[in-house]
């Protein structure tokens, strides 16, 4: 048994009727395609540097709290070692570095 769309009317459309319906659909006004682009980051390099530094310091504090909450049995695990490495990073020295303004505005 052939499969396909069921006819909408009482009888099957002729080729001319099908072609006329297709042309009418092509002429119909369609809304333009919407292309979503990510918004450009308009912050300066220094602002992005400061925000990234603040984020890293926040994450470092969270890791310190996580390490303090670890039970004694997990203090020698790989997770604890990774947390200690993050805690021991000197992020204040990294944040203190100022990126150049660029284009001769140093």
N, C-alpha and C. Protein backbone atom coordinates (compact mmCIF):
# COMPACT_ATOMS: atom_id res chain seq x y z
N UNK A 1 0.85 -1.17 0.00
CA UNK A 1 0.00 0.00 0.00
C UNK A 1 0.90 1.23 0.00
N UNK A 2 0.69 2.15 -0.93
CA UNK A 2 1.55 3.33 -1.00
C UNK A 2 1.33 4.26 0.19
N UNK A 3 2.45 4.80 0.68
CA UNK A 3 2.36 5.72 1.80
C UNK A 3 2.58 7.13 1.29
N UNK A 4 2.05 8.07 1.99
CA UNK A 4 2.21 9.46 1.62
C UNK A 4 1.14 10.29 2.30
N UNK A 5 1.08 11.54 1.91
CA UNK A 5 0.09 12.42 2.51
C UNK A 5 -1.30 12.07 2.00
N UNK A 6 -2.24 12.20 2.88
CA UNK A 6 -3.63 11.96 2.51
C UNK A 6 -4.14 13.22 1.80
N UNK A 7 -4.97 13.06 0.79
CA UNK A 7 -5.50 14.23 0.10
C UNK A 7 -6.36 15.08 1.05
N UNK A 8 -6.27 16.39 0.89
CA UNK A 8 -7.03 17.30 1.75
C UNK A 8 -8.48 17.40 1.33
N UNK A 9 -8.72 17.25 0.06
CA UNK A 9 -10.09 17.36 -0.43
C UNK A 9 -10.70 16.00 -0.69
N UNK A 10 -11.76 16.02 -1.51
CA UNK A 10 -12.44 14.76 -1.82
C UNK A 10 -11.67 13.95 -2.85
N UNK A 11 -10.89 14.65 -3.70
CA UNK A 11 -10.16 13.93 -4.75
C UNK A 11 -8.70 14.37 -4.76
N UNK A 12 -7.93 13.63 -5.48
CA UNK A 12 -6.50 13.92 -5.59
C UNK A 12 -6.32 15.11 -6.52
N UNK A 13 -5.33 15.98 -6.19
CA UNK A 13 -5.06 17.15 -7.03
C UNK A 13 -4.39 16.73 -8.33
N UNK A 14 -4.71 17.46 -9.38
CA UNK A 14 -4.02 17.21 -10.64
C UNK A 14 -2.65 17.87 -10.57
N UNK A 15 -1.79 17.58 -11.52
CA UNK A 15 -0.46 18.17 -11.53
C UNK A 15 -0.52 19.70 -11.62
N UNK A 16 -1.44 20.22 -12.42
CA UNK A 16 -1.57 21.66 -12.56
C UNK A 16 -2.03 22.31 -11.26
N UNK A 17 -2.98 21.66 -10.58
CA UNK A 17 -3.46 22.20 -9.30
C UNK A 17 -2.35 22.16 -8.24
N UNK A 18 -1.59 21.09 -8.23
CA UNK A 18 -0.49 20.97 -7.28
C UNK A 18 0.57 22.04 -7.55
N UNK A 19 0.87 22.26 -8.83
CA UNK A 19 1.86 23.27 -9.19
C UNK A 19 1.37 24.67 -8.83
N UNK A 20 0.07 24.96 -9.05
CA UNK A 20 -0.49 26.26 -8.70
C UNK A 20 -0.43 26.48 -7.19
N UNK A 21 -0.70 25.45 -6.41
CA UNK A 21 -0.63 25.56 -4.96
C UNK A 21 0.82 25.83 -4.52
N UNK A 22 1.76 25.15 -5.15
CA UNK A 22 3.18 25.36 -4.83
C UNK A 22 3.60 26.79 -5.14
N UNK A 23 3.21 27.31 -6.30
CA UNK A 23 3.57 28.69 -6.67
C UNK A 23 2.95 29.69 -5.70
N UNK A 24 1.74 29.44 -5.26
CA UNK A 24 1.09 30.35 -4.31
C UNK A 24 1.84 30.36 -2.98
N UNK A 25 2.31 29.19 -2.55
CA UNK A 25 3.10 29.13 -1.31
C UNK A 25 4.42 29.88 -1.47
N UNK A 26 5.03 29.79 -2.64
CA UNK A 26 6.31 30.47 -2.87
C UNK A 26 6.14 31.99 -2.86
N UNK A 27 4.99 32.48 -3.33
CA UNK A 27 4.73 33.92 -3.38
C UNK A 27 4.34 34.50 -2.03
N UNK A 28 3.89 33.65 -1.13
CA UNK A 28 3.45 34.12 0.18
C UNK A 28 4.62 34.79 0.90
N UNK A 29 4.30 35.85 1.62
CA UNK A 29 5.32 36.60 2.35
C UNK A 29 5.76 35.79 3.57
N UNK A 30 7.05 35.57 3.66
CA UNK A 30 7.60 34.84 4.80
C UNK A 30 8.37 35.81 5.68
N UNK A 31 8.32 35.61 6.95
CA UNK A 31 9.14 36.47 7.81
C UNK A 31 10.62 36.17 7.57
N UNK A 32 11.46 37.19 7.66
CA UNK A 32 12.88 36.95 7.42
C UNK A 32 13.47 36.03 8.50
N UNK A 33 14.46 35.29 8.09
CA UNK A 33 15.12 34.38 9.03
C UNK A 33 15.85 35.20 10.09
N UNK A 34 15.70 34.79 11.33
CA UNK A 34 16.34 35.49 12.44
C UNK A 34 17.65 34.79 12.75
N UNK A 35 18.73 35.53 12.64
CA UNK A 35 20.05 34.99 12.95
C UNK A 35 20.48 35.58 14.27
N UNK A 36 20.64 34.70 15.26
CA UNK A 36 21.04 35.17 16.58
C UNK A 36 22.56 35.12 16.68
N UNK A 37 23.14 36.25 16.93
CA UNK A 37 24.58 36.34 17.10
C UNK A 37 24.87 36.68 18.55
N UNK A 38 25.96 36.14 19.08
CA UNK A 38 26.30 36.51 20.45
C UNK A 38 26.65 37.99 20.52
N UNK A 39 26.25 38.61 21.61
CA UNK A 39 26.52 40.04 21.75
C UNK A 39 28.01 40.26 21.95
N UNK A 40 28.50 41.31 21.34
CA UNK A 40 29.91 41.64 21.46
C UNK A 40 30.20 42.13 22.87
N UNK A 41 31.32 41.72 23.40
CA UNK A 41 31.72 42.15 24.73
C UNK A 41 32.32 43.55 24.59
N UNK A 42 31.64 44.55 25.07
CA UNK A 42 32.05 45.94 24.90
C UNK A 42 32.95 46.44 26.02
N UNK A 43 33.26 45.56 26.97
CA UNK A 43 34.11 45.99 28.08
C UNK A 43 35.55 46.12 27.61
N UNK A 44 36.29 46.99 28.25
CA UNK A 44 37.69 47.14 27.89
C UNK A 44 38.49 45.94 28.37
N UNK A 45 39.70 45.82 27.88
CA UNK A 45 40.56 44.71 28.27
C UNK A 45 40.83 44.75 29.77
N UNK A 46 41.03 45.94 30.32
CA UNK A 46 41.30 46.08 31.75
C UNK A 46 40.09 45.64 32.56
N UNK A 47 38.89 46.03 32.13
CA UNK A 47 37.67 45.61 32.84
C UNK A 47 37.50 44.10 32.81
N UNK A 48 37.76 43.49 31.64
CA UNK A 48 37.65 42.03 31.55
C UNK A 48 38.70 41.36 32.42
N UNK A 49 39.92 41.94 32.49
CA UNK A 49 40.99 41.40 33.34
C UNK A 49 40.57 41.45 34.81
N UNK A 50 40.02 42.59 35.22
CA UNK A 50 39.57 42.74 36.60
C UNK A 50 38.45 41.76 36.94
N UNK A 51 37.50 41.60 36.02
CA UNK A 51 36.40 40.66 36.25
C UNK A 51 36.90 39.22 36.32
N UNK A 52 37.85 38.87 35.46
CA UNK A 52 38.40 37.51 35.48
C UNK A 52 39.16 37.27 36.79
N UNK A 53 39.90 38.28 37.25
CA UNK A 53 40.62 38.14 38.52
C UNK A 53 39.67 37.98 39.68
N UNK A 54 38.59 38.74 39.69
CA UNK A 54 37.60 38.63 40.77
C UNK A 54 36.95 37.25 40.75
N UNK A 55 36.68 36.73 39.56
CA UNK A 55 36.09 35.40 39.44
C UNK A 55 37.05 34.34 39.97
N UNK A 56 38.33 34.46 39.60
CA UNK A 56 39.31 33.47 40.09
C UNK A 56 39.45 33.52 41.61
N UNK A 57 39.43 34.70 42.19
CA UNK A 57 39.53 34.82 43.65
C UNK A 57 38.31 34.21 44.33
N UNK A 58 37.14 34.42 43.73
CA UNK A 58 35.91 33.83 44.26
C UNK A 58 35.98 32.30 44.22
N UNK A 59 36.44 31.77 43.09
CA UNK A 59 36.55 30.32 42.97
C UNK A 59 37.59 29.78 43.94
N UNK A 60 38.67 30.52 44.15
CA UNK A 60 39.70 30.09 45.09
C UNK A 60 39.12 30.01 46.51
N UNK A 61 38.30 30.99 46.86
CA UNK A 61 37.66 30.96 48.18
C UNK A 61 36.70 29.78 48.31
N UNK A 62 35.97 29.48 47.25
CA UNK A 62 35.07 28.33 47.26
C UNK A 62 35.85 27.02 47.42
N UNK A 63 37.01 26.95 46.75
CA UNK A 63 37.84 25.74 46.87
C UNK A 63 38.40 25.61 48.28
N UNK A 64 38.73 26.73 48.92
CA UNK A 64 39.21 26.69 50.30
C UNK A 64 38.12 26.17 51.23
N UNK A 65 36.90 26.65 51.01
CA UNK A 65 35.78 26.17 51.84
C UNK A 65 35.52 24.68 51.58
N UNK A 66 35.67 24.25 50.34
CA UNK A 66 35.47 22.85 49.99
C UNK A 66 36.53 21.99 50.68
N UNK A 67 37.78 22.47 50.64
CA UNK A 67 38.86 21.71 51.27
C UNK A 67 38.64 21.59 52.78
N UNK A 68 38.19 22.67 53.39
CA UNK A 68 37.94 22.64 54.84
C UNK A 68 36.80 21.68 55.19
N UNK A 69 35.86 21.49 54.26
CA UNK A 69 34.72 20.61 54.52
C UNK A 69 35.03 19.14 54.24
N UNK A 70 36.20 18.86 53.65
CA UNK A 70 36.55 17.47 53.35
C UNK A 70 36.79 16.69 54.65
N UNK A 71 36.31 15.47 54.71
CA UNK A 71 36.61 14.66 55.89
C UNK A 71 38.09 14.24 55.89
N UNK A 72 38.60 13.90 57.03
CA UNK A 72 40.02 13.54 57.18
C UNK A 72 40.40 12.38 56.27
N UNK A 73 39.48 11.48 56.00
CA UNK A 73 39.80 10.32 55.17
C UNK A 73 40.08 10.69 53.71
N UNK A 74 39.62 11.86 53.30
CA UNK A 74 39.82 12.29 51.90
C UNK A 74 40.92 13.35 51.76
N UNK A 75 41.63 13.67 52.83
CA UNK A 75 42.65 14.72 52.76
C UNK A 75 43.86 14.31 51.92
N UNK A 76 44.05 13.03 51.67
CA UNK A 76 45.17 12.56 50.86
C UNK A 76 44.74 12.18 49.45
N UNK A 77 43.53 12.52 49.05
CA UNK A 77 43.03 12.14 47.73
C UNK A 77 43.50 13.13 46.66
N UNK A 78 43.26 12.78 45.44
CA UNK A 78 43.63 13.66 44.31
C UNK A 78 42.81 14.94 44.33
N UNK A 79 41.58 14.84 44.76
CA UNK A 79 40.74 16.03 44.86
C UNK A 79 41.32 17.02 45.85
N UNK A 80 41.74 16.52 46.99
CA UNK A 80 42.32 17.39 48.01
C UNK A 80 43.62 18.01 47.51
N UNK A 81 44.42 17.24 46.78
CA UNK A 81 45.67 17.77 46.22
C UNK A 81 45.39 18.89 45.23
N UNK A 82 44.41 18.69 44.37
CA UNK A 82 44.05 19.72 43.39
C UNK A 82 43.51 20.96 44.10
N UNK A 83 42.70 20.78 45.12
CA UNK A 83 42.17 21.93 45.87
C UNK A 83 43.30 22.70 46.54
N UNK A 84 44.26 21.98 47.11
CA UNK A 84 45.39 22.67 47.75
C UNK A 84 46.21 23.46 46.75
N UNK A 85 46.41 22.92 45.56
CA UNK A 85 47.15 23.64 44.52
C UNK A 85 46.43 24.92 44.14
N UNK A 86 45.11 24.86 44.04
CA UNK A 86 44.34 26.07 43.72
C UNK A 86 44.41 27.07 44.86
N UNK A 87 44.34 26.59 46.08
CA UNK A 87 44.37 27.48 47.25
C UNK A 87 45.73 28.18 47.36
N UNK A 88 46.81 27.46 47.00
CA UNK A 88 48.15 28.01 47.16
C UNK A 88 48.55 28.97 46.04
N UNK A 89 47.76 29.09 44.99
CA UNK A 89 48.07 30.03 43.92
C UNK A 89 48.04 31.46 44.45
N UNK A 90 49.01 32.27 44.03
CA UNK A 90 49.06 33.66 44.44
C UNK A 90 48.30 34.51 43.41
N UNK A 91 46.99 34.53 43.56
CA UNK A 91 46.16 35.26 42.59
C UNK A 91 46.27 36.77 42.76
N UNK A 92 46.62 37.23 43.95
CA UNK A 92 46.76 38.67 44.16
C UNK A 92 47.87 39.23 43.28
N UNK A 93 48.95 38.46 43.11
CA UNK A 93 50.05 38.92 42.25
C UNK A 93 49.61 38.96 40.79
N UNK A 94 48.79 38.00 40.40
CA UNK A 94 48.30 37.98 39.01
C UNK A 94 47.36 39.15 38.77
N UNK A 95 46.47 39.41 39.71
CA UNK A 95 45.50 40.50 39.56
C UNK A 95 46.20 41.86 39.59
N UNK A 96 47.33 41.94 40.30
CA UNK A 96 48.04 43.22 40.42
C UNK A 96 48.67 43.63 39.09
N UNK A 97 48.90 42.68 38.19
CA UNK A 97 49.46 43.01 36.88
C UNK A 97 48.40 43.74 36.07
N UNK A 98 48.76 44.83 35.47
CA UNK A 98 47.81 45.61 34.67
C UNK A 98 48.10 45.39 33.20
N UNK A 99 47.15 44.97 32.42
CA UNK A 99 47.38 44.82 30.96
C UNK A 99 47.54 46.18 30.32
N UNK A 100 48.30 46.27 29.23
CA UNK A 100 48.47 47.56 28.56
C UNK A 100 47.16 48.01 27.91
N UNK A 101 46.99 49.30 27.83
CA UNK A 101 45.77 49.86 27.22
C UNK A 101 45.76 49.66 25.71
N UNK A 102 46.93 49.68 25.10
CA UNK A 102 47.04 49.46 23.67
C UNK A 102 46.90 50.73 22.88
N UNK A 103 47.31 50.68 21.64
CA UNK A 103 47.23 51.80 20.71
C UNK A 103 47.91 53.05 21.26
N UNK A 104 49.05 52.89 21.92
CA UNK A 104 49.81 54.04 22.41
C UNK A 104 49.24 54.72 23.63
N UNK A 105 48.27 54.13 24.31
CA UNK A 105 47.66 54.76 25.49
C UNK A 105 48.24 54.21 26.78
N UNK A 106 49.42 53.63 26.72
CA UNK A 106 50.00 52.99 27.90
C UNK A 106 50.18 53.93 29.02
